[in-house]
C-alpha cells in the first residue's frame, strides 16, 4: 500500500530531506529510490520515495520541531497528492 506523509521541520531543505529518509528507515521502510522537490525560497517541499512497502510521498513545511505523520492510502490518493503539491510548488 502507498503512503502519504506530512512533516513539520525546523531544518532547511537538504537536512529535512535527510531526516525524512532517516525517519522512514527507522520506521522499517527500505528506501530504494527517492527524489526531493522544492522551490528556492519557499518554506515547503515534496519528497517521493520508492520503498519495500510501496510508494511514499511526503509534503514538508517549516515548523518548530521535526515531526512526521504517515497515512496509508490508495494509489489514486498518492497520485493526486503528488500532482496537487507539484502544482503548488510550480506556482500553477
N, C-alpha and C. Protein backbone atom coordinates (compact mmCIF):
# COMPACT_ATOMS: atom_id res chain seq x y z
N UNK A 1 0.84 -1.19 0.00
CA UNK A 1 0.00 0.00 0.00
C UNK A 1 0.88 1.25 0.00
N UNK A 2 0.51 2.26 -0.73
CA UNK A 2 1.27 3.50 -0.72
C UNK A 2 0.94 4.34 0.53
N UNK A 3 1.78 5.33 0.78
CA UNK A 3 1.63 6.20 1.93
C UNK A 3 1.78 7.65 1.50
N UNK A 4 1.07 8.54 2.18
CA UNK A 4 1.35 9.96 2.09
C UNK A 4 1.74 10.41 3.50
N UNK A 5 2.53 11.46 3.55
CA UNK A 5 3.01 11.93 4.83
C UNK A 5 3.08 13.44 4.88
N UNK A 6 3.15 13.92 6.11
CA UNK A 6 3.24 15.34 6.38
C UNK A 6 4.34 15.55 7.40
N UNK A 7 5.23 16.48 7.11
CA UNK A 7 6.35 16.76 8.00
C UNK A 7 6.36 18.23 8.34
N UNK A 8 6.61 18.51 9.59
CA UNK A 8 6.98 19.84 10.03
C UNK A 8 8.45 19.74 10.38
N UNK A 9 9.24 20.70 9.94
CA UNK A 9 10.68 20.62 10.14
C UNK A 9 11.26 21.97 10.50
N UNK A 10 12.16 21.97 11.45
CA UNK A 10 12.88 23.18 11.82
C UNK A 10 14.24 23.25 11.13
N UNK A 11 14.42 22.47 10.06
CA UNK A 11 15.67 22.43 9.30
C UNK A 11 15.45 22.97 7.89
N UNK A 12 16.54 23.24 7.19
CA UNK A 12 16.47 23.65 5.80
C UNK A 12 16.14 22.47 4.90
N UNK A 13 15.97 22.71 3.59
CA UNK A 13 15.56 21.65 2.67
C UNK A 13 16.48 20.43 2.64
N UNK A 14 17.78 20.61 2.57
CA UNK A 14 18.69 19.46 2.47
C UNK A 14 18.65 18.61 3.74
N UNK A 15 18.68 19.25 4.90
CA UNK A 15 18.65 18.49 6.15
C UNK A 15 17.29 17.85 6.37
N UNK A 16 16.22 18.54 5.97
CA UNK A 16 14.88 17.96 6.08
C UNK A 16 14.79 16.69 5.25
N UNK A 17 15.28 16.73 4.03
CA UNK A 17 15.29 15.56 3.16
C UNK A 17 16.01 14.39 3.82
N UNK A 18 17.20 14.66 4.36
CA UNK A 18 17.99 13.62 5.04
C UNK A 18 17.22 13.05 6.23
N UNK A 19 16.63 13.91 7.02
CA UNK A 19 15.91 13.45 8.21
C UNK A 19 14.66 12.65 7.85
N UNK A 20 13.99 13.04 6.77
CA UNK A 20 12.83 12.25 6.32
C UNK A 20 13.26 10.84 5.95
N UNK A 21 14.32 10.73 5.16
CA UNK A 21 14.81 9.40 4.76
C UNK A 21 15.26 8.59 5.97
N UNK A 22 15.94 9.24 6.92
CA UNK A 22 16.37 8.55 8.14
C UNK A 22 15.16 8.05 8.94
N UNK A 23 14.13 8.88 9.05
CA UNK A 23 12.94 8.51 9.81
C UNK A 23 12.18 7.38 9.13
N UNK A 24 12.11 7.40 7.81
CA UNK A 24 11.48 6.29 7.09
C UNK A 24 12.22 4.98 7.38
N UNK A 25 13.54 5.02 7.32
CA UNK A 25 14.33 3.83 7.60
C UNK A 25 14.08 3.36 9.04
N UNK A 26 14.03 4.28 9.98
CA UNK A 26 13.79 3.92 11.38
C UNK A 26 12.44 3.24 11.55
N UNK A 27 11.47 3.60 10.69
CA UNK A 27 10.13 3.01 10.76
C UNK A 27 9.98 1.75 9.91
N UNK A 28 11.08 1.24 9.40
CA UNK A 28 11.04 -0.03 8.68
C UNK A 28 10.88 0.06 7.18
N UNK A 29 11.03 1.25 6.61
CA UNK A 29 10.97 1.42 5.16
C UNK A 29 12.38 1.32 4.60
N UNK A 30 12.57 0.46 3.62
CA UNK A 30 13.85 0.39 2.91
C UNK A 30 13.71 1.24 1.66
N UNK A 31 14.35 2.39 1.66
CA UNK A 31 14.24 3.33 0.54
C UNK A 31 15.14 2.86 -0.59
N UNK A 32 14.53 2.62 -1.75
CA UNK A 32 15.27 2.14 -2.92
C UNK A 32 15.61 3.29 -3.86
N UNK A 33 14.76 4.29 -3.89
CA UNK A 33 14.96 5.47 -4.74
C UNK A 33 14.18 6.61 -4.12
N UNK A 34 14.72 7.81 -4.18
CA UNK A 34 13.99 8.96 -3.67
C UNK A 34 14.36 10.21 -4.46
N UNK A 35 13.46 11.17 -4.43
CA UNK A 35 13.73 12.47 -5.05
C UNK A 35 13.07 13.54 -4.20
N UNK A 36 13.61 14.74 -4.30
CA UNK A 36 13.17 15.86 -3.47
C UNK A 36 12.89 17.06 -4.36
N UNK A 37 11.72 17.63 -4.20
CA UNK A 37 11.34 18.83 -4.95
C UNK A 37 11.08 19.96 -3.97
N UNK A 38 11.65 21.11 -4.24
CA UNK A 38 11.29 22.32 -3.51
C UNK A 38 11.65 23.51 -4.37
N UNK A 39 11.06 24.63 -4.08
CA UNK A 39 11.25 25.83 -4.88
C UNK A 39 12.09 26.82 -4.07
N UNK A 40 13.26 27.14 -4.57
CA UNK A 40 14.19 28.10 -4.00
C UNK A 40 13.94 28.60 -2.60
N UNK A 41 13.15 29.64 -2.48
CA UNK A 41 12.97 30.28 -1.18
C UNK A 41 11.65 29.90 -0.50
N UNK A 42 10.93 28.92 -1.05
CA UNK A 42 9.66 28.50 -0.46
C UNK A 42 9.92 27.65 0.79
N UNK A 43 9.12 27.82 1.83
CA UNK A 43 9.33 27.07 3.08
C UNK A 43 8.64 25.70 3.09
N UNK A 44 8.59 25.03 1.94
CA UNK A 44 7.95 23.72 1.86
C UNK A 44 8.51 22.96 0.67
N UNK A 45 8.26 21.64 0.65
CA UNK A 45 8.73 20.81 -0.44
C UNK A 45 8.03 19.47 -0.45
N UNK A 46 8.49 18.59 -1.34
CA UNK A 46 7.89 17.28 -1.52
C UNK A 46 9.01 16.24 -1.68
N UNK A 47 8.91 15.17 -0.92
CA UNK A 47 9.83 14.04 -1.04
C UNK A 47 9.01 12.84 -1.53
N UNK A 48 9.51 12.19 -2.58
CA UNK A 48 8.87 10.99 -3.12
C UNK A 48 9.89 9.86 -3.02
N UNK A 49 9.45 8.73 -2.48
CA UNK A 49 10.37 7.60 -2.30
C UNK A 49 9.70 6.31 -2.74
N UNK A 50 10.47 5.45 -3.39
CA UNK A 50 10.06 4.08 -3.67
C UNK A 50 10.67 3.22 -2.58
N UNK A 51 9.84 2.45 -1.90
CA UNK A 51 10.33 1.66 -0.77
C UNK A 51 9.86 0.21 -0.88
N UNK A 52 10.36 -0.62 0.01
CA UNK A 52 9.94 -2.01 0.08
C UNK A 52 8.48 -2.15 0.50
N UNK A 53 7.88 -1.10 1.04
CA UNK A 53 6.49 -1.13 1.50
C UNK A 53 5.57 -0.32 0.59
N UNK A 54 6.07 0.13 -0.56
CA UNK A 54 5.27 0.89 -1.50
C UNK A 54 5.77 2.31 -1.65
N UNK A 55 5.08 3.05 -2.49
CA UNK A 55 5.44 4.44 -2.73
C UNK A 55 5.10 5.30 -1.52
N UNK A 56 5.96 6.28 -1.25
CA UNK A 56 5.75 7.22 -0.15
C UNK A 56 5.92 8.63 -0.71
N UNK A 57 4.94 9.49 -0.48
CA UNK A 57 5.03 10.89 -0.87
C UNK A 57 4.81 11.72 0.39
N UNK A 58 5.76 12.61 0.67
CA UNK A 58 5.72 13.38 1.90
C UNK A 58 5.85 14.87 1.58
N UNK A 59 4.89 15.63 2.04
CA UNK A 59 4.92 17.09 1.92
C UNK A 59 5.48 17.64 3.22
N UNK A 60 6.48 18.53 3.12
CA UNK A 60 7.05 19.12 4.33
C UNK A 60 6.91 20.63 4.30
N UNK A 61 6.85 21.20 5.48
CA UNK A 61 6.89 22.65 5.63
C UNK A 61 7.61 22.99 6.93
N UNK A 62 8.00 24.23 7.05
CA UNK A 62 8.75 24.64 8.22
C UNK A 62 7.87 24.63 9.46
N UNK A 63 8.48 24.26 10.57
CA UNK A 63 7.80 24.23 11.86
C UNK A 63 8.82 24.42 12.97
N UNK A 64 8.38 24.24 14.19
CA UNK A 64 9.27 24.46 15.34
C UNK A 64 10.11 23.25 15.69
N UNK A 65 9.61 22.04 15.40
CA UNK A 65 10.36 20.81 15.66
C UNK A 65 10.11 19.85 14.50
N UNK A 66 10.98 18.84 14.37
CA UNK A 66 10.80 17.85 13.31
C UNK A 66 9.79 16.81 13.76
N UNK A 67 8.74 16.62 12.96
CA UNK A 67 7.77 15.56 13.23
C UNK A 67 7.19 15.06 11.91
N UNK A 68 6.97 13.75 11.84
CA UNK A 68 6.47 13.10 10.63
C UNK A 68 5.21 12.31 10.96
N UNK A 69 4.19 12.50 10.14
CA UNK A 69 2.94 11.73 10.25
C UNK A 69 2.72 11.03 8.92
N UNK A 70 2.48 9.72 8.95
CA UNK A 70 2.23 8.93 7.74
C UNK A 70 0.83 8.36 7.76
N UNK A 71 0.23 8.27 6.56
CA UNK A 71 -1.09 7.66 6.39
C UNK A 71 -1.04 6.68 5.23
N UNK A 72 -1.57 5.50 5.42
CA UNK A 72 -1.68 4.52 4.35
C UNK A 72 -2.91 4.88 3.52
N UNK A 73 -2.74 4.95 2.19
CA UNK A 73 -3.80 5.41 1.30
C UNK A 73 -3.86 4.56 0.03
N UNK A 74 -4.84 4.82 -0.80
CA UNK A 74 -4.96 4.18 -2.11
C UNK A 74 -4.01 4.86 -3.10
N UNK A 75 -3.62 4.14 -4.14
CA UNK A 75 -2.70 4.65 -5.16
C UNK A 75 -3.20 5.96 -5.77
N UNK A 76 -4.49 6.05 -6.05
CA UNK A 76 -5.05 7.26 -6.66
C UNK A 76 -4.85 8.47 -5.75
N UNK A 77 -4.93 8.26 -4.44
CA UNK A 77 -4.74 9.35 -3.49
C UNK A 77 -3.31 9.88 -3.52
N UNK A 78 -2.34 8.97 -3.68
CA UNK A 78 -0.94 9.39 -3.77
C UNK A 78 -0.73 10.21 -5.03
N UNK A 79 -1.26 9.73 -6.14
CA UNK A 79 -1.11 10.44 -7.41
C UNK A 79 -1.68 11.86 -7.32
N UNK A 80 -2.85 11.99 -6.73
CA UNK A 80 -3.49 13.30 -6.58
C UNK A 80 -2.69 14.19 -5.62
N UNK A 81 -2.20 13.62 -4.53
CA UNK A 81 -1.39 14.34 -3.56
C UNK A 81 -0.13 14.90 -4.21
N UNK A 82 0.56 14.07 -4.99
CA UNK A 82 1.78 14.50 -5.67
C UNK A 82 1.46 15.57 -6.70
N UNK A 83 0.43 15.35 -7.51
CA UNK A 83 0.05 16.31 -8.54
C UNK A 83 -0.31 17.67 -7.93
N UNK A 84 -1.12 17.66 -6.89
CA UNK A 84 -1.51 18.92 -6.24
C UNK A 84 -0.31 19.64 -5.64
N UNK A 85 0.59 18.90 -5.02
CA UNK A 85 1.77 19.52 -4.41
C UNK A 85 2.70 20.08 -5.47
N UNK A 86 2.90 19.34 -6.56
CA UNK A 86 3.77 19.83 -7.64
C UNK A 86 3.20 21.10 -8.29
N UNK A 87 1.90 21.15 -8.46
CA UNK A 87 1.26 22.35 -9.00
C UNK A 87 1.50 23.53 -8.08
N UNK A 88 1.35 23.31 -6.79
CA UNK A 88 1.56 24.36 -5.81
C UNK A 88 3.02 24.83 -5.81
N UNK A 89 3.95 23.88 -5.89
CA UNK A 89 5.36 24.23 -5.93
C UNK A 89 5.75 25.03 -7.17
N UNK A 90 5.10 24.70 -8.29
CA UNK A 90 5.45 25.38 -9.54
C UNK A 90 4.71 26.70 -9.71
N UNK A 91 3.76 26.97 -8.84
CA UNK A 91 3.04 28.24 -8.91
C UNK A 91 1.88 28.23 -9.89
N UNK A 92 1.50 27.05 -10.38
CA UNK A 92 0.38 26.98 -11.34
C UNK A 92 -0.95 27.06 -10.63
